N, C-alpha and C. Protein backbone atom coordinates (compact mmCIF):
# COMPACT_ATOMS: atom_id res chain seq x y z
N MET A 1 -7.20 -35.10 13.05
CA MET A 1 -6.35 -36.28 13.17
C MET A 1 -5.44 -36.10 14.28
N ASN A 2 -5.18 -37.20 15.07
CA ASN A 2 -4.36 -37.01 16.28
C ASN A 2 -2.78 -37.36 15.81
N TYR A 3 -1.94 -36.52 15.84
CA TYR A 3 -0.64 -36.85 15.40
C TYR A 3 0.19 -37.39 16.47
N ALA A 4 -0.42 -37.53 17.69
CA ALA A 4 0.55 -38.06 18.77
C ALA A 4 0.79 -39.59 18.40
N ASN A 5 -0.06 -40.26 17.79
CA ASN A 5 0.26 -41.66 17.39
C ASN A 5 1.17 -41.91 16.17
N PHE A 6 1.61 -40.71 15.47
CA PHE A 6 2.50 -40.59 14.40
C PHE A 6 3.70 -39.77 14.81
N PRO A 7 4.64 -40.21 15.45
CA PRO A 7 5.65 -39.20 15.81
C PRO A 7 6.43 -38.67 14.68
N GLU A 8 6.52 -39.53 13.50
CA GLU A 8 7.30 -38.99 12.37
C GLU A 8 6.57 -37.85 11.68
N VAL A 9 5.34 -37.70 11.80
CA VAL A 9 4.63 -36.71 11.16
C VAL A 9 4.39 -35.50 12.24
N ARG A 10 5.19 -34.44 11.90
CA ARG A 10 5.06 -33.24 12.83
C ARG A 10 4.53 -32.04 11.97
N ARG A 11 3.82 -31.28 12.71
CA ARG A 11 3.25 -30.04 12.00
C ARG A 11 4.39 -29.07 11.88
N ARG A 12 4.59 -28.52 10.74
CA ARG A 12 5.59 -27.46 10.60
C ARG A 12 4.95 -26.11 10.60
N GLU A 13 5.53 -25.19 11.31
CA GLU A 13 5.14 -23.85 11.37
C GLU A 13 5.67 -23.10 10.12
N PRO A 14 4.93 -22.18 9.61
CA PRO A 14 5.38 -21.37 8.49
C PRO A 14 6.59 -20.52 8.92
N VAL A 15 7.37 -20.35 8.05
CA VAL A 15 8.57 -19.31 8.26
C VAL A 15 8.15 -17.96 8.46
N PHE A 16 7.21 -17.49 7.63
CA PHE A 16 6.59 -16.14 7.71
C PHE A 16 5.17 -16.46 8.06
N ASN A 17 4.56 -15.71 8.97
CA ASN A 17 3.26 -15.80 9.45
C ASN A 17 2.59 -14.55 9.01
N LEU A 18 2.39 -14.30 7.78
CA LEU A 18 1.83 -13.02 7.36
C LEU A 18 0.40 -13.15 6.91
N PRO A 19 -0.52 -12.25 7.38
CA PRO A 19 -1.98 -12.35 6.91
C PRO A 19 -2.07 -12.09 5.49
N PRO A 20 -3.03 -12.75 4.95
CA PRO A 20 -3.19 -12.70 3.38
C PRO A 20 -3.36 -11.18 2.92
N VAL A 21 -4.02 -10.29 3.74
CA VAL A 21 -4.26 -9.04 3.37
C VAL A 21 -2.92 -8.14 3.27
N ILE A 22 -1.96 -8.60 4.04
CA ILE A 22 -0.60 -7.93 4.10
C ILE A 22 0.06 -8.31 2.83
N VAL A 23 0.02 -9.75 2.52
CA VAL A 23 0.70 -10.22 1.38
C VAL A 23 0.13 -9.57 0.11
N ALA A 24 -1.27 -9.50 0.00
CA ALA A 24 -1.88 -8.83 -1.17
C ALA A 24 -1.53 -7.33 -1.32
N LEU A 25 -1.46 -6.62 -0.35
CA LEU A 25 -1.16 -5.17 -0.41
C LEU A 25 0.30 -4.98 -0.70
N SER A 26 1.17 -5.84 -0.17
CA SER A 26 2.62 -5.74 -0.58
C SER A 26 2.71 -6.19 -1.92
N ALA A 27 2.07 -7.04 -2.54
CA ALA A 27 2.23 -7.44 -3.92
C ALA A 27 1.73 -6.27 -4.78
N ILE A 28 0.66 -5.48 -4.39
CA ILE A 28 0.12 -4.36 -5.05
C ILE A 28 1.31 -3.26 -5.01
N PHE A 29 1.82 -2.88 -3.83
CA PHE A 29 2.93 -1.98 -3.81
C PHE A 29 3.96 -2.26 -4.65
N ILE A 30 4.46 -3.50 -4.67
CA ILE A 30 5.56 -3.82 -5.58
C ILE A 30 5.21 -3.82 -7.04
N ALA A 31 3.93 -4.16 -7.43
CA ALA A 31 3.59 -4.15 -8.84
C ALA A 31 3.34 -2.63 -9.35
N VAL A 32 2.86 -1.82 -8.40
CA VAL A 32 2.70 -0.35 -8.82
C VAL A 32 4.19 0.14 -9.05
N HIS A 33 5.08 -0.08 -8.17
CA HIS A 33 6.41 0.47 -8.33
C HIS A 33 7.06 -0.14 -9.56
N VAL A 34 7.00 -1.32 -9.82
CA VAL A 34 7.58 -2.00 -11.10
C VAL A 34 6.87 -1.39 -12.25
N ALA A 35 5.64 -1.21 -12.33
CA ALA A 35 4.92 -0.69 -13.46
C ALA A 35 5.36 0.86 -13.72
N ARG A 36 5.52 1.55 -12.75
CA ARG A 36 6.03 2.89 -12.91
C ARG A 36 7.35 2.99 -13.49
N GLN A 37 8.18 2.06 -13.26
CA GLN A 37 9.48 1.99 -13.91
C GLN A 37 9.49 2.07 -15.35
N PHE A 38 8.47 1.50 -15.87
CA PHE A 38 8.35 1.23 -17.35
C PHE A 38 7.65 2.43 -18.13
N LEU A 39 7.10 3.42 -17.27
CA LEU A 39 6.43 4.56 -17.92
C LEU A 39 7.49 5.57 -18.27
N SER A 40 7.09 6.42 -19.34
CA SER A 40 7.87 7.53 -19.64
C SER A 40 7.85 8.54 -18.55
N GLN A 41 8.71 9.52 -18.53
CA GLN A 41 8.69 10.62 -17.47
C GLN A 41 7.33 11.31 -17.60
N GLU A 42 6.86 11.63 -18.74
CA GLU A 42 5.60 12.35 -18.74
C GLU A 42 4.48 11.52 -18.28
N ALA A 43 4.37 10.23 -18.54
CA ALA A 43 3.29 9.36 -18.01
C ALA A 43 3.44 9.23 -16.56
N ASP A 44 4.65 9.07 -16.06
CA ASP A 44 4.78 8.93 -14.62
C ASP A 44 4.42 10.20 -13.95
N LEU A 45 4.69 11.30 -14.52
CA LEU A 45 4.22 12.67 -14.05
C LEU A 45 2.56 12.71 -13.95
N ASN A 46 2.08 12.26 -14.92
CA ASN A 46 0.62 12.11 -14.95
C ASN A 46 0.09 11.25 -13.82
N VAL A 47 0.73 10.11 -13.63
CA VAL A 47 0.41 9.26 -12.44
C VAL A 47 0.40 9.87 -11.21
N LEU A 48 1.53 10.65 -11.01
CA LEU A 48 1.74 11.34 -9.65
C LEU A 48 0.69 12.48 -9.61
N LEU A 49 0.41 13.26 -10.71
CA LEU A 49 -0.62 14.33 -10.54
C LEU A 49 -1.90 13.64 -10.27
N TRP A 50 -2.30 12.43 -10.67
CA TRP A 50 -3.56 11.91 -10.45
C TRP A 50 -3.67 11.26 -9.09
N THR A 51 -2.50 10.65 -8.59
CA THR A 51 -2.61 9.84 -7.41
C THR A 51 -1.94 10.29 -6.22
N ALA A 52 -0.93 11.21 -6.42
CA ALA A 52 -0.17 11.61 -5.16
C ALA A 52 -0.87 12.61 -4.36
N PHE A 53 -0.55 12.59 -3.11
CA PHE A 53 -1.20 13.56 -2.04
C PHE A 53 -0.48 14.87 -2.29
N LEU A 54 -1.03 15.88 -2.96
CA LEU A 54 -0.43 17.13 -3.05
C LEU A 54 -1.23 18.21 -2.21
N PRO A 55 -0.60 18.77 -1.26
CA PRO A 55 -1.23 19.72 -0.43
C PRO A 55 -1.81 20.94 -1.14
N ALA A 56 -1.20 21.26 -2.33
CA ALA A 56 -1.80 22.40 -3.07
C ALA A 56 -3.35 22.22 -3.48
N ARG A 57 -3.62 20.90 -3.53
CA ARG A 57 -5.15 20.58 -3.85
C ARG A 57 -6.02 21.27 -2.96
N TYR A 58 -5.60 21.39 -1.62
CA TYR A 58 -6.46 21.81 -0.51
C TYR A 58 -6.19 23.27 -0.10
N SER A 59 -5.37 24.02 -0.82
CA SER A 59 -5.04 25.30 -0.53
C SER A 59 -6.18 26.27 -0.98
N HIS A 60 -6.55 27.19 -0.05
CA HIS A 60 -7.59 28.27 -0.45
C HIS A 60 -7.03 29.27 -1.42
N VAL A 61 -5.72 29.28 -1.65
CA VAL A 61 -5.07 30.17 -2.66
C VAL A 61 -5.07 29.46 -3.89
N PRO A 62 -5.59 29.95 -4.93
CA PRO A 62 -5.66 29.41 -6.30
C PRO A 62 -4.25 29.47 -6.92
N VAL A 63 -3.27 28.70 -6.47
CA VAL A 63 -2.06 28.70 -6.90
C VAL A 63 -1.85 28.18 -8.37
N LEU A 64 -2.56 27.01 -8.44
CA LEU A 64 -2.52 26.22 -9.77
C LEU A 64 -3.68 26.51 -10.48
N ASN A 65 -4.57 27.32 -10.16
CA ASN A 65 -5.70 27.64 -10.91
C ASN A 65 -6.49 26.40 -11.58
N GLY A 66 -6.61 25.34 -10.95
CA GLY A 66 -7.26 24.23 -11.41
C GLY A 66 -6.49 23.32 -12.34
N LEU A 67 -5.15 23.54 -12.31
CA LEU A 67 -4.31 22.62 -13.27
C LEU A 67 -4.27 21.21 -12.81
N LEU A 68 -4.51 20.88 -11.56
CA LEU A 68 -4.33 19.49 -11.06
C LEU A 68 -5.62 18.71 -11.66
N PRO A 69 -5.27 17.53 -12.18
CA PRO A 69 -6.29 16.61 -12.77
C PRO A 69 -7.10 15.98 -11.63
N GLY A 70 -8.33 15.66 -11.98
CA GLY A 70 -9.06 14.82 -11.03
C GLY A 70 -10.15 15.61 -10.25
N GLY A 71 -10.01 16.84 -10.14
CA GLY A 71 -11.01 17.72 -9.35
C GLY A 71 -11.25 17.26 -8.01
N VAL A 72 -12.56 17.33 -7.66
CA VAL A 72 -12.92 17.01 -6.19
C VAL A 72 -12.69 15.56 -5.96
N ALA A 73 -13.05 14.75 -6.96
CA ALA A 73 -12.83 13.16 -6.76
C ALA A 73 -11.30 12.97 -6.35
N ALA A 74 -10.31 13.52 -6.94
CA ALA A 74 -8.90 13.42 -6.63
C ALA A 74 -8.63 13.84 -5.29
N ASP A 75 -9.35 14.79 -4.81
CA ASP A 75 -9.24 15.40 -3.45
C ASP A 75 -9.48 14.30 -2.46
N ILE A 76 -10.33 13.40 -2.78
CA ILE A 76 -10.77 12.22 -1.95
C ILE A 76 -9.88 11.06 -2.04
N TRP A 77 -9.64 10.59 -3.30
CA TRP A 77 -8.90 9.35 -3.55
C TRP A 77 -7.42 9.41 -3.25
N THR A 78 -6.92 10.61 -3.44
CA THR A 78 -5.47 10.71 -3.11
C THR A 78 -5.01 10.52 -1.79
N PHE A 79 -5.99 10.56 -0.83
CA PHE A 79 -5.75 10.15 0.60
C PHE A 79 -5.40 8.74 0.68
N VAL A 80 -5.74 7.86 -0.21
CA VAL A 80 -5.59 6.42 -0.22
C VAL A 80 -4.53 6.09 -1.16
N THR A 81 -4.54 6.60 -2.43
CA THR A 81 -3.60 6.22 -3.47
C THR A 81 -2.25 6.65 -3.34
N TYR A 82 -1.87 7.58 -2.46
CA TYR A 82 -0.62 8.11 -2.29
C TYR A 82 0.35 7.05 -1.59
N ALA A 83 -0.38 6.04 -0.94
CA ALA A 83 0.38 5.12 -0.11
C ALA A 83 0.97 4.00 -1.09
N PHE A 84 0.47 3.99 -2.39
CA PHE A 84 0.99 2.99 -3.46
C PHE A 84 2.11 3.45 -4.06
N LEU A 85 2.56 4.80 -3.94
CA LEU A 85 3.66 5.50 -4.61
C LEU A 85 4.91 5.53 -3.79
N HIS A 86 6.05 5.07 -4.33
CA HIS A 86 7.22 5.14 -3.68
C HIS A 86 8.33 5.77 -4.61
N GLY A 87 9.23 6.48 -3.98
CA GLY A 87 10.25 7.15 -4.76
C GLY A 87 11.29 6.17 -5.44
N ASP A 88 11.73 5.30 -4.81
CA ASP A 88 12.74 4.34 -5.37
C ASP A 88 12.67 2.99 -4.69
N ALA A 89 13.59 2.08 -5.03
CA ALA A 89 13.41 0.70 -4.38
C ALA A 89 13.77 0.74 -3.00
N ILE A 90 14.65 1.57 -2.47
CA ILE A 90 15.07 1.58 -1.12
C ILE A 90 13.92 2.08 -0.34
N HIS A 91 13.17 3.18 -0.81
CA HIS A 91 12.02 3.64 -0.21
C HIS A 91 11.01 2.66 -0.04
N LEU A 92 10.86 1.85 -1.13
CA LEU A 92 9.76 0.77 -1.04
C LEU A 92 10.18 -0.31 -0.11
N ALA A 93 11.49 -0.67 -0.09
CA ALA A 93 11.92 -1.76 0.75
C ALA A 93 11.79 -1.41 2.23
N VAL A 94 12.20 -0.21 2.51
CA VAL A 94 12.13 0.18 4.06
C VAL A 94 10.67 0.26 4.41
N ASN A 95 9.81 0.78 3.56
CA ASN A 95 8.28 0.80 4.01
C ASN A 95 7.84 -0.52 4.09
N MET A 96 8.27 -1.54 3.21
CA MET A 96 7.66 -2.84 3.19
C MET A 96 8.24 -3.49 4.49
N ILE A 97 9.31 -3.29 5.03
CA ILE A 97 9.86 -3.91 6.19
C ILE A 97 8.96 -3.52 7.34
N TRP A 98 8.69 -2.25 7.49
CA TRP A 98 7.85 -1.86 8.57
C TRP A 98 6.45 -2.22 8.43
N PHE A 99 5.96 -2.23 7.21
CA PHE A 99 4.65 -2.62 7.03
C PHE A 99 4.45 -3.98 7.37
N LEU A 100 5.36 -4.95 6.95
CA LEU A 100 5.20 -6.30 7.33
C LEU A 100 5.37 -6.59 8.86
N ALA A 101 6.27 -5.84 9.42
CA ALA A 101 6.43 -6.03 10.89
C ALA A 101 5.27 -5.53 11.71
N PHE A 102 4.78 -4.29 11.48
CA PHE A 102 3.76 -3.66 12.27
C PHE A 102 2.40 -3.98 11.73
N GLY A 103 2.28 -3.91 10.39
CA GLY A 103 0.90 -4.13 9.81
C GLY A 103 0.42 -5.55 10.08
N SER A 104 1.24 -6.57 10.08
CA SER A 104 0.75 -7.89 10.34
C SER A 104 0.04 -8.03 11.68
N ALA A 105 0.60 -7.41 12.75
CA ALA A 105 -0.02 -7.55 13.98
C ALA A 105 -1.39 -6.83 14.02
N VAL A 106 -1.42 -5.70 13.34
CA VAL A 106 -2.64 -5.05 13.19
C VAL A 106 -3.72 -5.71 12.33
N ALA A 107 -3.22 -6.27 11.30
CA ALA A 107 -4.16 -7.04 10.46
C ALA A 107 -4.69 -8.37 11.12
N TRP A 108 -3.88 -9.02 11.85
CA TRP A 108 -4.30 -10.27 12.57
C TRP A 108 -5.40 -9.84 13.58
N ARG A 109 -5.17 -8.69 14.27
CA ARG A 109 -6.08 -8.30 15.31
C ARG A 109 -7.40 -7.73 14.62
N PHE A 110 -7.35 -6.98 13.53
CA PHE A 110 -8.50 -6.35 13.04
C PHE A 110 -9.31 -7.24 12.15
N GLY A 111 -8.62 -8.10 11.28
CA GLY A 111 -9.27 -8.87 10.30
C GLY A 111 -8.99 -8.02 9.02
N ALA A 112 -9.23 -8.65 7.86
CA ALA A 112 -8.88 -8.01 6.63
C ALA A 112 -9.71 -6.83 6.24
N MET A 113 -11.05 -6.81 6.36
CA MET A 113 -11.80 -5.66 6.01
C MET A 113 -11.62 -4.43 6.91
N ARG A 114 -11.62 -4.77 8.27
CA ARG A 114 -11.40 -3.66 9.10
C ARG A 114 -9.97 -3.06 8.91
N PHE A 115 -9.06 -3.93 8.71
CA PHE A 115 -7.69 -3.48 8.42
C PHE A 115 -7.62 -2.49 7.17
N LEU A 116 -8.24 -2.93 6.07
CA LEU A 116 -8.31 -2.21 4.83
C LEU A 116 -8.93 -0.79 5.23
N ALA A 117 -10.11 -0.80 5.81
CA ALA A 117 -10.75 0.45 6.35
C ALA A 117 -9.80 1.27 7.11
N PHE A 118 -9.08 0.66 8.03
CA PHE A 118 -8.24 1.39 8.81
C PHE A 118 -7.01 2.09 8.09
N CYS A 119 -6.57 1.30 7.12
CA CYS A 119 -5.52 1.86 6.24
C CYS A 119 -6.02 3.03 5.48
N ALA A 120 -7.16 2.88 4.92
CA ALA A 120 -7.77 3.99 4.22
C ALA A 120 -8.03 5.24 4.98
N VAL A 121 -8.38 5.06 6.30
CA VAL A 121 -8.72 6.25 7.06
C VAL A 121 -7.42 6.75 7.55
N ALA A 122 -6.48 5.94 7.94
CA ALA A 122 -5.16 6.44 8.52
C ALA A 122 -4.23 6.88 7.43
């Protein structure tokens, strides 16, 4: 449609020009943080043991003698799942600001699938 003939109809630019993958990941980050707020301390500790990146998992010294749950699979998935964990609301907010600012440019350039692969690898 040619809007030149209709001067009263103007195209409005969005206030925020965020890629859908950034919006979706941001929603997941917020949802995980909110869900963790409703867990007991013991349950939250279990979430951390299963999903946080813990360098002790990769030590050749058997410090914990296999006490960390998840085994070899957790050695792999914690490289990705740790990104969804935040210490408090300020930590989440600061990370979200930087993620929205810099992640958007990368997501527009790479596309959704390549961006998700990049995030998983990086």
